[in-house]
Amino acid sequence: MFRLVLAVAFLPLLLPSDVSRSVPVVPEVIPRLIGQWEGEGELFGQPATFSMVWEWELDQRFVRLTFENRLIENGQARTVLQAMAHYRVTDSDSLYGNWFDTRGEILELKATATDSTLVTQWFAETEQGRTTYRVVGEDSLEVVDEVLGSDGWRPFGKASYHRTESD
């Protein structure tokens, strides 16, 4: 009898996750972002190149963004920042997550999605900003980065991306 009670108590832990909880409804823009992207634009007023990869993780319950930007100085690219973010997919048009980067920063992420746009607000002790990812074609994307200062929102990065590979 004890073994039966023990087996029933631990049964939920043994069931596959898709049986115990349904996969969340995904905002329309997320599948459009999945894949590898390369971009060109400006960072702090200087020419720069950018790369990012969006991919599903853990039964499509999370999305991971891997990101890198490079300033162009004397015709050479110099890596300025590498980062990784994880977004939790929910049953709404809101996503939540965290950003980790080579500055040692951890940013809290709160994003709102539409069919073609993901606007991510980010927060840390020393900074607050937002990044807008706007799908403008099947294989093109516009990204604008802004930081909140005492005089309001100031853009510091803007890039046009093209898809290099899709999943």
C-alpha atoms as a PDB file:
ATOM      1  CA  MET A   1       0.000   0.000   0.000  1.00  0.00           C
ATOM      2  CA  PHE A   2       2.834   2.394   0.895  1.00  0.00           C
ATOM      3  CA  ARG A   3       4.451   1.783  -2.505  1.00  0.00           C
ATOM      4  CA  LEU A   4       1.191   2.586  -4.295  1.00  0.00           C
ATOM      5  CA  VAL A   5       0.785   5.869  -2.408  1.00  0.00           C
ATOM      6  CA  LEU A   6       4.422   6.741  -3.107  1.00  0.00           C
ATOM      7  CA  ALA A   7       4.040   5.933  -6.824  1.00  0.00           C
ATOM      8  CA  VAL A   8       0.887   8.064  -7.125  1.00  0.00           C
ATOM      9  CA  ALA A   9       2.572  10.944  -5.284  1.00  0.00           C
ATOM     10  CA  PHE A  10       5.548  10.987  -7.671  1.00  0.00           C
ATOM     11  CA  LEU A  11       3.606  10.240 -10.877  1.00  0.00           C
ATOM     12  CA  PRO A  12       3.342  13.932 -11.946  1.00  0.00           C
ATOM     13  CA  LEU A  13       7.127  14.201 -11.809  1.00  0.00           C
ATOM     14  CA  LEU A  14       7.493  11.276 -14.191  1.00  0.00           C
ATOM     15  CA  LEU A  15       5.002  12.486 -16.804  1.00  0.00           C
ATOM     16  CA  PRO A  16       6.310  14.395 -19.821  1.00  0.00           C
ATOM     17  CA  SER A  17       5.899  18.152 -19.471  1.00  0.00           C
ATOM     18  CA  ASP A  18       3.553  18.405 -22.464  1.00  0.00           C
ATOM     19  CA  VAL A  19       1.084  16.096 -20.708  1.00  0.00           C
ATOM     20  CA  SER A  20       1.006  18.038 -17.451  1.00  0.00           C
ATOM     21  CA  ARG A  21       0.998  21.537 -19.015  1.00  0.00           C
ATOM     22  CA  SER A  22       0.036  22.732 -22.467  1.00  0.00           C
ATOM     23  CA  VAL A  23       2.466  24.698 -24.614  1.00  0.00           C
ATOM     24  CA  PRO A  24       1.683  28.435 -24.424  1.00  0.00           C
ATOM     25  CA  VAL A  25       0.176  30.304 -27.341  1.00  0.00           C
ATOM     26  CA  VAL A  26       3.065  32.074 -29.052  1.00  0.00           C
ATOM     27  CA  PRO A  27       2.829  35.747 -30.098  1.00  0.00           C
ATOM     28  CA  GLU A  28       2.893  35.952 -33.921  1.00  0.00           C
ATOM     29  CA  VAL A  29       6.176  37.845 -34.156  1.00  0.00           C
ATOM     30  CA  ILE A  30       8.236  35.191 -32.339  1.00  0.00           C
ATOM     31  CA  PRO A  31       8.259  32.528 -35.117  1.00  0.00           C
ATOM     32  CA  ARG A  32       9.137  35.330 -37.544  1.00  0.00           C
ATOM     33  CA  LEU A  33      12.244  36.171 -35.471  1.00  0.00           C
ATOM     34  CA  ILE A  34      13.518  32.597 -35.164  1.00  0.00           C
ATOM     35  CA  GLY A  35      16.742  32.165 -37.150  1.00  0.00           C
ATOM     36  CA  GLN A  36      20.114  33.789 -37.781  1.00  0.00           C
ATOM     37  CA  TRP A  37      20.361  37.483 -38.637  1.00  0.00           C
ATOM     38  CA  GLU A  38      23.170  39.851 -39.733  1.00  0.00           C
ATOM     39  CA  GLY A  39      22.825  43.615 -39.595  1.00  0.00           C
ATOM     40  CA  GLU A  40      24.480  46.909 -40.422  1.00  0.00           C
ATOM     41  CA  GLY A  41      23.820  50.292 -38.900  1.00  0.00           C
ATOM     42  CA  GLU A  42      25.072  52.677 -36.247  1.00  0.00           C
ATOM     43  CA  LEU A  43      26.093  52.268 -32.626  1.00  0.00           C
ATOM     44  CA  PHE A  44      26.796  55.424 -30.601  1.00  0.00           C
ATOM     45  CA  GLY A  45      26.911  57.378 -33.879  1.00  0.00           C
ATOM     46  CA  GLN A  46      29.570  55.152 -35.469  1.00  0.00           C
ATOM     47  CA  PRO A  47      29.217  52.498 -38.209  1.00  0.00           C
ATOM     48  CA  ALA A  48      28.659  49.038 -36.787  1.00  0.00           C
ATOM     49  CA  THR A  49      27.721  45.483 -37.689  1.00  0.00           C
ATOM     50  CA  PHE A  50      25.454  43.234 -35.687  1.00  0.00           C
ATOM     51  CA  SER A  51      24.541  39.557 -35.488  1.00  0.00           C
ATOM     52  CA  MET A  52      21.847  37.744 -33.579  1.00  0.00           C
ATOM     53  CA  VAL A  53      20.309  34.325 -33.397  1.00  0.00           C
ATOM     54  CA  TRP A  54      16.803  33.650 -32.098  1.00  0.00           C
ATOM     55  CA  GLU A  55      16.015  30.029 -31.225  1.00  0.00           C
ATOM     56  CA  TRP A  56      13.454  27.954 -29.373  1.00  0.00           C
ATOM     57  CA  GLU A  57      14.390  26.213 -26.145  1.00  0.00           C
ATOM     58  CA  LEU A  58      12.766  23.685 -23.834  1.00  0.00           C
ATOM     59  CA  ASP A  59       9.724  22.592 -25.855  1.00  0.00           C
ATOM     60  CA  GLN A  60       9.111  26.134 -27.159  1.00  0.00           C
ATOM     61  CA  ARG A  61       8.466  27.462 -23.663  1.00  0.00           C
ATOM     62  CA  PHE A  62      11.467  29.804 -23.944  1.00  0.00           C
ATOM     63  CA  VAL A  63      13.188  31.770 -26.687  1.00  0.00           C
ATOM     64  CA  ARG A  64      16.914  32.467 -26.549  1.00  0.00           C
ATOM     65  CA  LEU A  65      18.527  35.469 -28.200  1.00  0.00           C
ATOM     66  CA  THR A  66      22.292  35.424 -28.750  1.00  0.00           C
ATOM     67  CA  PHE A  67      23.628  38.830 -29.777  1.00  0.00           C
ATOM     68  CA  GLU A  68      26.861  40.585 -30.758  1.00  0.00           C
ATOM     69  CA  ASN A  69      27.687  44.084 -31.977  1.00  0.00           C
ATOM     70  CA  ARG A  70      30.916  45.342 -33.546  1.00  0.00           C
ATOM     71  CA  LEU A  71      32.038  48.926 -34.133  1.00  0.00           C
ATOM     72  CA  ILE A  72      33.847  49.576 -37.408  1.00  0.00           C
ATOM     73  CA  GLU A  73      37.103  51.439 -36.744  1.00  0.00           C
ATOM     74  CA  ASN A  74      39.669  52.048 -39.517  1.00  0.00           C
ATOM     75  CA  GLY A  75      37.830  49.498 -41.658  1.00  0.00           C
ATOM     76  CA  GLN A  76      38.112  46.794 -38.983  1.00  0.00           C
ATOM     77  CA  ALA A  77      35.317  45.363 -36.850  1.00  0.00           C
ATOM     78  CA  ARG A  78      35.895  45.438 -33.089  1.00  0.00           C
ATOM     79  CA  THR A  79      33.514  43.493 -30.838  1.00  0.00           C
ATOM     80  CA  VAL A  80      31.906  45.808 -28.320  1.00  0.00           C
ATOM     81  CA  LEU A  81      29.290  43.607 -26.699  1.00  0.00           C
ATOM     82  CA  GLN A  82      28.187  39.998 -26.617  1.00  0.00           C
ATOM     83  CA  ALA A  83      24.986  39.004 -24.876  1.00  0.00           C
ATOM     84  CA  MET A  84      22.444  36.275 -24.314  1.00  0.00           C
ATOM     85  CA  ALA A  85      18.806  36.712 -23.353  1.00  0.00           C
ATOM     86  CA  HIS A  86      16.124  34.231 -22.425  1.00  0.00           C
ATOM     87  CA  TYR A  87      12.437  35.089 -22.801  1.00  0.00           C
ATOM     88  CA  ARG A  88       9.689  33.005 -21.218  1.00  0.00           C
ATOM     89  CA  VAL A  89       6.757  32.534 -23.584  1.00  0.00           C
ATOM     90  CA  THR A  90       3.401  33.075 -21.882  1.00  0.00           C
ATOM     91  CA  ASP A  91      -0.250  32.772 -22.926  1.00  0.00           C
ATOM     92  CA  SER A  92      -0.387  36.480 -23.737  1.00  0.00           C
ATOM     93  CA  ASP A  93       1.373  39.050 -25.868  1.00  0.00           C
ATOM     94  CA  SER A  94       3.789  39.676 -22.994  1.00  0.00           C
ATOM     95  CA  LEU A  95       7.121  37.947 -22.492  1.00  0.00           C
ATOM     96  CA  TYR A  96       9.488  38.160 -19.540  1.00  0.00           C
ATOM     97  CA  GLY A  97      13.128  37.315 -19.230  1.00  0.00           C
ATOM     98  CA  ASN A  98      16.702  38.234 -18.469  1.00  0.00           C
ATOM     99  CA  TRP A  99      19.683  39.540 -20.460  1.00  0.00           C
ATOM    100  CA  PHE A 100      23.288  38.685 -19.614  1.00  0.00           C
ATOM    101  CA  ASP A 101      26.213  40.458 -21.303  1.00  0.00           C
ATOM    102  CA  THR A 102      29.990  40.825 -21.408  1.00  0.00           C
ATOM    103  CA  ARG A 103      29.805  44.008 -19.329  1.00  0.00           C
ATOM    104  CA  GLY A 104      28.702  41.749 -16.490  1.00  0.00           C
ATOM    105  CA  GLU A 105      25.207  43.244 -16.547  1.00  0.00           C
ATOM    106  CA  ILE A 106      22.014  41.326 -15.888  1.00  0.00           C
ATOM    107  CA  LEU A 107      18.946  43.137 -17.175  1.00  0.00           C
ATOM    108  CA  GLU A 108      15.332  42.343 -16.418  1.00  0.00           C
ATOM    109  CA  LEU A 109      13.267  42.121 -19.625  1.00  0.00           C
ATOM    110  CA  LYS A 110       9.577  42.872 -20.143  1.00  0.00           C
ATOM    111  CA  ALA A 111       8.409  42.617 -23.741  1.00  0.00           C
ATOM    112  CA  THR A 112       5.187  43.241 -25.608  1.00  0.00           C
ATOM    113  CA  ALA A 113       4.539  41.508 -28.930  1.00  0.00           C
ATOM    114  CA  THR A 114       2.313  42.141 -31.927  1.00  0.00           C
ATOM    115  CA  ASP A 115       2.199  40.322 -35.256  1.00  0.00           C
ATOM    116  CA  SER A 116       5.317  42.141 -36.522  1.00  0.00           C
ATOM    117  CA  THR A 117       6.934  43.905 -33.549  1.00  0.00           C
ATOM    118  CA  LEU A 118       8.575  42.988 -30.259  1.00  0.00           C
ATOM    119  CA  VAL A 119       9.230  45.917 -27.911  1.00  0.00           C
ATOM    120  CA  THR A 120      11.485  44.943 -25.023  1.00  0.00           C
ATOM    121  CA  GLN A 121      11.873  47.222 -22.013  1.00  0.00           C
ATOM    122  CA  TRP A 122      15.015  46.471 -20.012  1.00  0.00           C
ATOM    123  CA  PHE A 123      15.926  47.410 -16.489  1.00  0.00           C
ATOM    124  CA  ALA A 124      19.040  47.336 -14.309  1.00  0.00           C
ATOM    125  CA  GLU A 125      20.251  49.306 -11.299  1.00  0.00           C
ATOM    126  CA  THR A 126      22.159  51.752 -13.494  1.00  0.00           C
ATOM    127  CA  GLU A 127      20.138  51.875 -16.710  1.00  0.00           C
ATOM    128  CA  GLN A 128      16.744  51.592 -18.311  1.00  0.00           C
ATOM    129  CA  GLY A 129      16.106  51.200 -22.001  1.00  0.00           C
ATOM    130  CA  ARG A 130      14.105  49.597 -24.733  1.00  0.00           C
ATOM    131  CA  THR A 131      14.771  47.720 -27.922  1.00  0.00           C
ATOM    132  CA  THR A 132      12.226  47.567 -30.733  1.00  0.00           C
ATOM    133  CA  TYR A 133      12.465  44.632 -33.167  1.00  0.00           C
ATOM    134  CA  ARG A 134      10.248  45.264 -36.201  1.00  0.00           C
ATOM    135  CA  VAL A 135       9.866  42.648 -38.939  1.00  0.00           C
ATOM    136  CA  VAL A 136       9.632  44.594 -42.212  1.00  0.00           C
ATOM    137  CA  GLY A 137       9.751  41.699 -44.654  1.00  0.00           C
ATOM    138  CA  GLU A 138      10.043  37.949 -44.722  1.00  0.00           C
ATOM    139  CA  ASP A 139      13.823  38.168 -44.409  1.00  0.00           C
ATOM    140  CA  SER A 140      14.381  41.691 -43.088  1.00  0.00           C
ATOM    141  CA  LEU A 141      14.200  43.302 -39.685  1.00  0.00           C
ATOM    142  CA  GLU A 142      14.738  46.805 -38.246  1.00  0.00           C
ATOM    143  CA  VAL A 143      16.061  47.212 -34.690  1.00  0.00           C
ATOM    144  CA  VAL A 144      16.233  50.433 -32.662  1.00  0.00           C
ATOM    145  CA  ASP A 145      17.900  50.663 -29.228  1.00  0.00           C
ATOM    146  CA  GLU A 146      17.118  53.528 -26.858  1.00  0.00           C
ATOM    147  CA  VAL A 147      18.161  54.454 -23.346  1.00  0.00           C
ATOM    148  CA  LEU A 148      16.140  56.526 -20.879  1.00  0.00           C
ATOM    149  CA  GLY A 149      17.981  59.614 -19.681  1.00  0.00           C
ATOM    150  CA  SER A 150      16.999  62.695 -17.721  1.00  0.00           C
ATOM    151  CA  ASP A 151      15.879  64.300 -21.009  1.00  0.00           C
ATOM    152  CA  GLY A 152      13.781  61.312 -22.143  1.00  0.00           C
ATOM    153  CA  TRP A 153      14.403  58.493 -24.620  1.00  0.00           C
ATOM    154  CA  ARG A 154      17.636  58.734 -26.641  1.00  0.00           C
ATOM    155  CA  PRO A 155      18.489  56.328 -29.478  1.00  0.00           C
ATOM    156  CA  PHE A 156      21.997  54.861 -29.350  1.00  0.00           C
ATOM    157  CA  GLY A 157      21.745  52.072 -31.901  1.00  0.00           C
ATOM    158  CA  LYS A 158      19.901  51.360 -35.119  1.00  0.00           C
ATOM    159  CA  ALA A 159      20.358  48.505 -37.555  1.00  0.00           C
ATOM    160  CA  SER A 160      18.812  46.852 -40.583  1.00  0.00           C
ATOM    161  CA  TYR A 161      19.108  43.061 -40.507  1.00  0.00           C
ATOM    162  CA  HIS A 162      18.741  40.355 -43.119  1.00  0.00           C
ATOM    163  CA  ARG A 163      18.095  36.686 -42.394  1.00  0.00           C
ATOM    164  CA  THR A 164      21.098  34.470 -43.103  1.00  0.00           C
ATOM    165  CA  GLU A 165      19.518  31.153 -42.135  1.00  0.00           C
ATOM    166  CA  SER A 166      16.106  30.060 -40.844  1.00  0.00           C
ATOM    167  CA  ASP A 167      14.957  27.179 -38.714  1.00  0.00           C
END
